[in-house]
Amino acid sequence: MNQQVDWKKFLIPYENAVEELKVKFKSIRSELRTIGEYSPIEFVTGRVKKVSSILEKAKKLDVEIDNIEEGIEDIAGIRIMCQFVEDIYTVVDYIRERDGNDLEIVYEKDYINNFKPSGYRSYHIVIRYPIQTAMGPKKILAEVQIRTLAMNFWGTIEHSLRYKYKHNIPEHINERLIKAADAAFMLDKEMSKIRHEIRQAQKMFEIKSNTVSNILRDIYSLYAMGRITEATELQEKFNELWDQGDIRELRNFAKEVHVFIENQEP
């Protein structure tokens, strides 16, 4: 079987596709960071399956050598790592937006909400990607895996153990791997909660800061208009609300002060 294929020539389009896709996804990350936006992509890797792995999978799936291009979907593989679980679905949306443009989505598999019995979690998207070759344009299949850093750590260890035991991992180790996968996912969820709480705190701080700035600006306007008594009364009221720290009361007070200022203007 191996002698029937010029593997070096066969794999060239896949190697080119991996390099192009890596550049495209890394460019998304770089562009977002350049403009000061958060990037859901932490880093990107890629690989082309070894010939021995291709032949092994073809045998396992009962794929004829002439049908390898369609029968094996992950000869070209891209792996995108994210910090948080929700980032994975943001990246999925990025890829969906490109569907029909520079790639075609063949199908998706959500192994995060529907994880494998082994504990494996990741999001897979099989795409058909156009590549230019010396023989002309060609479309090849490639698999994009999107996962968190914790999922990737678990997956790397599990893969090395599966290779070591030749896919016959002892049951007691399998059980521990499943527990480890659950623990890794719990870590992901906890980190997402912490992130959400931090974002909420930052948002509340920004709202409070803007509200206070608006109140003080309006009070200073009263001082400038010579309305010292009113400005002093509002300043004292503001000090009380500031000590209480109730953002809702501060926002309501900001509206009252602004309306009062508008009524004072000629």
Protein backbone atom coordinates (compact mmCIF):
# COMPACT_ATOMS: atom_id res chain seq x y z
CA MET A 1 0.00 0.00 0.00
CA ASN A 2 2.76 2.40 0.99
CA GLN A 3 4.60 1.88 -2.30
CA GLN A 4 1.60 2.92 -4.39
CA VAL A 5 1.69 6.54 -3.21
CA ASP A 6 4.32 9.24 -3.61
CA TRP A 7 3.79 10.42 -0.05
CA LYS A 8 6.14 13.37 -0.28
CA LYS A 9 4.17 14.78 -3.20
CA PHE A 10 0.83 13.75 -1.68
CA LEU A 11 1.44 15.67 1.56
CA ILE A 12 2.64 18.96 0.02
CA PRO A 13 -0.87 20.51 -0.25
CA TYR A 14 -1.57 19.55 3.36
CA GLU A 15 1.68 21.09 4.55
CA ASN A 16 0.88 24.31 2.67
CA ALA A 17 -2.66 24.37 4.05
CA VAL A 18 -1.43 24.02 7.63
CA GLU A 19 1.02 26.89 7.21
CA GLU A 20 -1.61 29.15 5.61
CA LEU A 21 -4.24 28.40 8.25
CA LYS A 22 -1.77 29.01 11.07
CA VAL A 23 -0.95 32.41 9.59
CA LYS A 24 -4.63 33.31 9.23
CA PHE A 25 -5.57 32.45 12.80
CA LYS A 26 -2.43 34.05 14.22
CA SER A 27 -3.28 37.18 12.24
CA ILE A 28 -6.66 37.39 13.98
CA ARG A 29 -4.89 37.28 17.34
CA SER A 30 -2.28 39.86 16.30
CA GLU A 31 -4.83 42.26 14.83
CA LEU A 32 -7.05 42.19 17.92
CA ARG A 33 -4.10 42.76 20.23
CA THR A 34 -2.75 45.56 18.04
CA ILE A 35 -6.00 47.53 18.31
CA GLY A 36 -6.17 46.89 22.05
CA GLU A 37 -8.98 44.33 21.93
CA TYR A 38 -9.11 41.02 23.79
CA SER A 39 -8.12 38.03 21.66
CA PRO A 40 -9.91 34.73 22.33
CA ILE A 41 -6.99 32.99 20.60
CA GLU A 42 -4.07 32.33 22.94
CA PHE A 43 -1.87 30.46 20.48
CA VAL A 44 -2.08 28.31 17.36
CA THR A 45 -0.29 25.13 16.34
CA GLY A 46 -0.57 22.83 13.35
CA ARG A 47 0.68 19.53 12.04
CA VAL A 48 0.44 17.12 9.14
CA LYS A 49 -0.12 13.48 10.02
CA LYS A 50 2.83 11.16 9.60
CA VAL A 51 2.51 8.56 6.87
CA SER A 52 2.50 5.76 9.45
CA SER A 53 -0.40 7.43 11.28
CA ILE A 54 -2.32 7.91 8.03
CA LEU A 55 -1.92 4.24 7.13
CA GLU A 56 -2.86 3.15 10.65
CA LYS A 57 -6.03 5.26 10.59
CA ALA A 58 -6.91 4.10 7.07
CA LYS A 59 -6.71 0.51 8.27
CA LYS A 60 -8.76 1.28 11.39
CA LEU A 61 -11.49 3.05 9.38
CA ASP A 62 -11.30 0.60 6.49
CA VAL A 63 -10.48 3.40 4.05
CA GLU A 64 -9.04 2.39 0.69
CA ILE A 65 -5.79 4.04 -0.33
CA ASP A 66 -7.50 5.70 -3.30
CA ASN A 67 -10.03 7.31 -0.97
CA ILE A 68 -7.67 8.65 1.69
CA GLU A 69 -8.20 12.29 0.68
CA GLU A 70 -11.91 12.05 1.49
CA GLY A 71 -11.86 9.21 4.00
CA ILE A 72 -9.39 10.72 6.46
CA GLU A 73 -10.35 14.24 7.48
CA ASP A 74 -7.50 15.19 9.79
CA ILE A 75 -4.38 14.69 7.69
CA ALA A 76 -4.00 18.46 8.07
CA GLY A 77 -4.68 19.55 11.62
CA ILE A 78 -4.88 22.96 13.28
CA ARG A 79 -5.16 23.39 17.03
CA ILE A 80 -6.30 26.69 18.54
CA MET A 81 -5.85 27.21 22.28
CA CYS A 82 -8.02 29.58 24.29
CA GLN A 83 -7.94 30.79 27.88
CA PHE A 84 -11.64 30.31 28.61
CA VAL A 85 -14.41 27.96 27.48
CA GLU A 86 -16.53 30.85 26.18
CA ASP A 87 -13.59 31.93 24.00
CA ILE A 88 -13.87 28.63 22.14
CA TYR A 89 -17.33 29.52 20.88
CA THR A 90 -16.14 32.99 19.88
CA VAL A 91 -13.47 31.36 17.70
CA VAL A 92 -16.11 28.99 16.30
CA ASP A 93 -18.13 32.05 15.27
CA TYR A 94 -15.03 33.53 13.59
CA ILE A 95 -14.69 30.36 11.51
CA ARG A 96 -18.40 30.28 10.67
CA GLU A 97 -18.15 33.85 9.38
CA ARG A 98 -15.51 32.68 6.88
CA ASP A 99 -17.63 29.76 5.68
CA GLY A 100 -18.12 30.15 1.94
CA ASN A 101 -15.31 32.68 1.63
CA ASP A 102 -11.80 31.29 2.13
CA LEU A 103 -12.98 27.93 3.50
CA GLU A 104 -16.01 25.65 3.64
CA ILE A 105 -17.30 24.04 6.81
CA VAL A 106 -18.05 20.36 6.27
CA TYR A 107 -19.32 19.65 9.79
CA GLU A 108 -18.80 20.49 13.46
CA LYS A 109 -18.56 18.34 16.57
CA ASP A 110 -18.97 19.81 20.04
CA TYR A 111 -17.05 17.52 22.38
CA ILE A 112 -17.32 20.10 25.16
CA ASN A 113 -21.05 19.84 25.80
CA ASN A 114 -20.96 16.26 24.50
CA PHE A 115 -17.62 15.00 25.79
CA LYS A 116 -16.31 11.56 24.94
CA PRO A 117 -16.52 8.66 27.44
CA SER A 118 -12.76 8.99 27.94
CA GLY A 119 -13.28 12.53 29.26
CA TYR A 120 -11.94 14.16 26.09
CA ARG A 121 -13.22 17.69 25.50
CA SER A 122 -12.63 19.93 22.50
CA TYR A 123 -14.52 21.56 19.64
CA HIS A 124 -13.83 20.12 16.19
CA ILE A 125 -14.58 21.73 12.85
CA VAL A 126 -13.77 19.85 9.66
CA ILE A 127 -13.26 22.24 6.78
CA ARG A 128 -12.58 22.03 3.08
CA TYR A 129 -9.74 24.42 2.31
CA PRO A 130 -8.64 25.62 -1.16
CA ILE A 131 -4.93 25.49 -1.84
CA GLN A 132 -2.88 26.41 -4.89
CA THR A 133 -0.48 23.71 -6.06
CA ALA A 134 1.97 23.44 -8.95
CA MET A 135 -0.66 21.26 -10.64
CA GLY A 136 -3.43 23.82 -10.13
CA PRO A 137 -6.04 24.59 -7.45
CA LYS A 138 -7.05 21.84 -5.05
CA LYS A 139 -9.41 21.57 -2.09
CA ILE A 140 -8.35 19.45 0.85
CA LEU A 141 -9.95 18.46 4.13
CA ALA A 142 -8.50 19.79 7.37
CA GLU A 143 -9.57 19.55 10.98
CA VAL A 144 -9.55 22.53 13.34
CA GLN A 145 -9.56 21.69 17.04
CA ILE A 146 -10.39 24.47 19.49
CA ARG A 147 -9.82 23.91 23.20
CA THR A 148 -8.76 25.58 26.43
CA LEU A 149 -5.25 25.33 27.83
CA ALA A 150 -6.52 22.91 30.50
CA MET A 151 -8.21 20.71 27.87
CA ASN A 152 -5.04 20.73 25.82
CA PHE A 153 -2.90 19.75 28.81
CA TRP A 154 -5.20 16.81 29.57
CA GLY A 155 -5.41 15.81 25.90
CA THR A 156 -1.63 15.85 25.48
CA ILE A 157 -1.09 13.60 28.52
CA GLU A 158 -3.92 11.26 27.53
CA HIS A 159 -2.56 10.95 23.99
CA SER A 160 0.95 10.13 25.20
CA LEU A 161 -0.42 7.46 27.57
CA ARG A 162 -2.60 5.99 24.83
CA TYR A 163 0.48 5.79 22.59
CA LYS A 164 2.56 4.26 25.37
CA TYR A 165 -0.03 1.58 26.10
CA LYS A 166 -0.78 1.08 22.38
CA HIS A 167 -4.41 2.18 22.87
CA ASN A 168 -4.90 -0.34 25.69
CA ILE A 169 -4.77 1.87 28.75
CA PRO A 170 -5.43 -0.10 31.98
CA GLU A 171 -8.90 0.45 33.40
CA HIS A 172 -7.68 1.98 36.67
CA ILE A 173 -5.68 4.58 34.71
CA ASN A 174 -8.69 5.26 32.47
CA GLU A 175 -10.78 5.99 35.54
CA ARG A 176 -8.18 8.41 36.88
CA LEU A 177 -7.96 10.12 33.49
CA ILE A 178 -11.73 10.65 33.47
CA LYS A 179 -11.55 12.18 36.95
CA ALA A 180 -8.66 14.38 35.82
CA ALA A 181 -10.67 15.51 32.77
CA ASP A 182 -13.59 16.45 35.01
CA ALA A 183 -11.24 18.33 37.34
CA ALA A 184 -9.70 20.21 34.40
CA PHE A 185 -13.16 21.21 33.19
CA MET A 186 -14.15 22.33 36.68
CA LEU A 187 -11.02 24.48 36.68
CA ASP A 188 -12.07 25.99 33.34
CA LYS A 189 -15.54 26.79 34.68
CA GLU A 190 -14.16 28.30 37.89
CA MET A 191 -11.74 30.50 35.94
CA SER A 192 -14.64 31.66 33.74
CA LYS A 193 -16.62 32.61 36.85
CA ILE A 194 -13.66 34.54 38.25
CA ARG A 195 -13.23 36.30 34.91
CA HIS A 196 -16.92 37.25 34.86
CA GLU A 197 -16.76 38.61 38.41
CA ILE A 198 -13.67 40.67 37.58
CA ARG A 199 -15.34 42.06 34.46
CA GLN A 200 -18.44 42.95 36.43
CA ALA A 201 -16.34 44.70 39.06
CA GLN A 202 -14.47 46.61 36.34
CA LYS A 203 -17.74 47.57 34.68
CA MET A 204 -19.20 48.82 37.97
CA PHE A 205 -16.02 50.78 38.66
CA GLU A 206 -16.26 52.46 35.24
CA ILE A 207 -19.94 53.29 35.76
CA LYS A 208 -19.24 54.69 39.22
CA SER A 209 -16.25 56.69 37.97
CA ASN A 210 -18.24 58.21 35.09
CA THR A 211 -21.19 58.97 37.36
CA VAL A 212 -19.01 60.73 39.92
CA SER A 213 -17.28 62.73 37.18
CA ASN A 214 -20.65 63.91 35.84
CA ILE A 215 -21.89 64.91 39.30
CA LEU A 216 -18.75 66.86 40.17
CA ARG A 217 -18.73 68.56 36.77
CA ASP A 218 -22.29 69.78 37.29
CA ILE A 219 -21.60 70.93 40.86
CA TYR A 220 -18.55 72.87 39.69
CA SER A 221 -20.76 74.45 37.02
CA LEU A 222 -23.00 75.76 39.79
CA TYR A 223 -19.99 77.25 41.57
CA ALA A 224 -18.99 78.92 38.29
CA MET A 225 -22.51 80.32 37.94
CA GLY A 226 -22.25 81.85 41.40
CA ARG A 227 -24.85 79.52 42.91
CA ILE A 228 -22.68 78.82 45.95
CA THR A 229 -25.48 77.81 48.34
CA GLU A 230 -27.01 75.26 45.96
CA ALA A 231 -23.60 73.93 44.97
CA THR A 232 -22.62 73.48 48.62
CA GLU A 233 -25.86 71.64 49.42
CA LEU A 234 -25.41 69.31 46.46
CA GLN A 235 -21.77 68.74 47.41
CA GLU A 236 -22.81 67.69 50.92
CA LYS A 237 -25.48 65.37 49.50
CA PHE A 238 -22.90 63.86 47.16
CA ASN A 239 -20.49 63.28 50.06
CA GLU A 240 -23.20 61.36 51.94
CA LEU A 241 -23.99 59.17 48.94
CA TRP A 242 -20.30 58.60 48.27
CA ASP A 243 -19.83 57.33 51.83
CA GLN A 244 -22.79 54.98 51.39
CA GLY A 245 -21.30 53.62 48.15
CA ASP A 246 -24.69 52.86 46.56
CA ILE A 247 -24.16 53.17 42.80
CA ARG A 248 -27.91 53.28 42.07
CA GLU A 249 -28.41 56.22 44.42
CA LEU A 250 -25.42 57.97 42.88
CA ARG A 251 -26.81 57.51 39.36
CA ASN A 252 -30.23 58.84 40.41
CA PHE A 253 -28.54 61.78 42.12
CA ALA A 254 -26.51 62.47 38.96
CA LYS A 255 -29.75 62.77 36.97
CA GLU A 256 -31.27 65.09 39.57
CA VAL A 257 -28.20 67.33 39.59
CA HIS A 258 -28.10 67.48 35.80
CA VAL A 259 -31.79 68.42 35.57
CA PHE A 260 -31.24 71.07 38.23
CA ILE A 261 -28.31 72.52 36.25
CA GLU A 262 -30.36 72.63 33.04
CA ASN A 263 -33.11 74.55 34.84
CA GLN A 264 -30.59 77.12 36.08
CA GLU A 265 -29.20 77.89 32.64
CA PRO A 266 -30.63 81.02 30.95
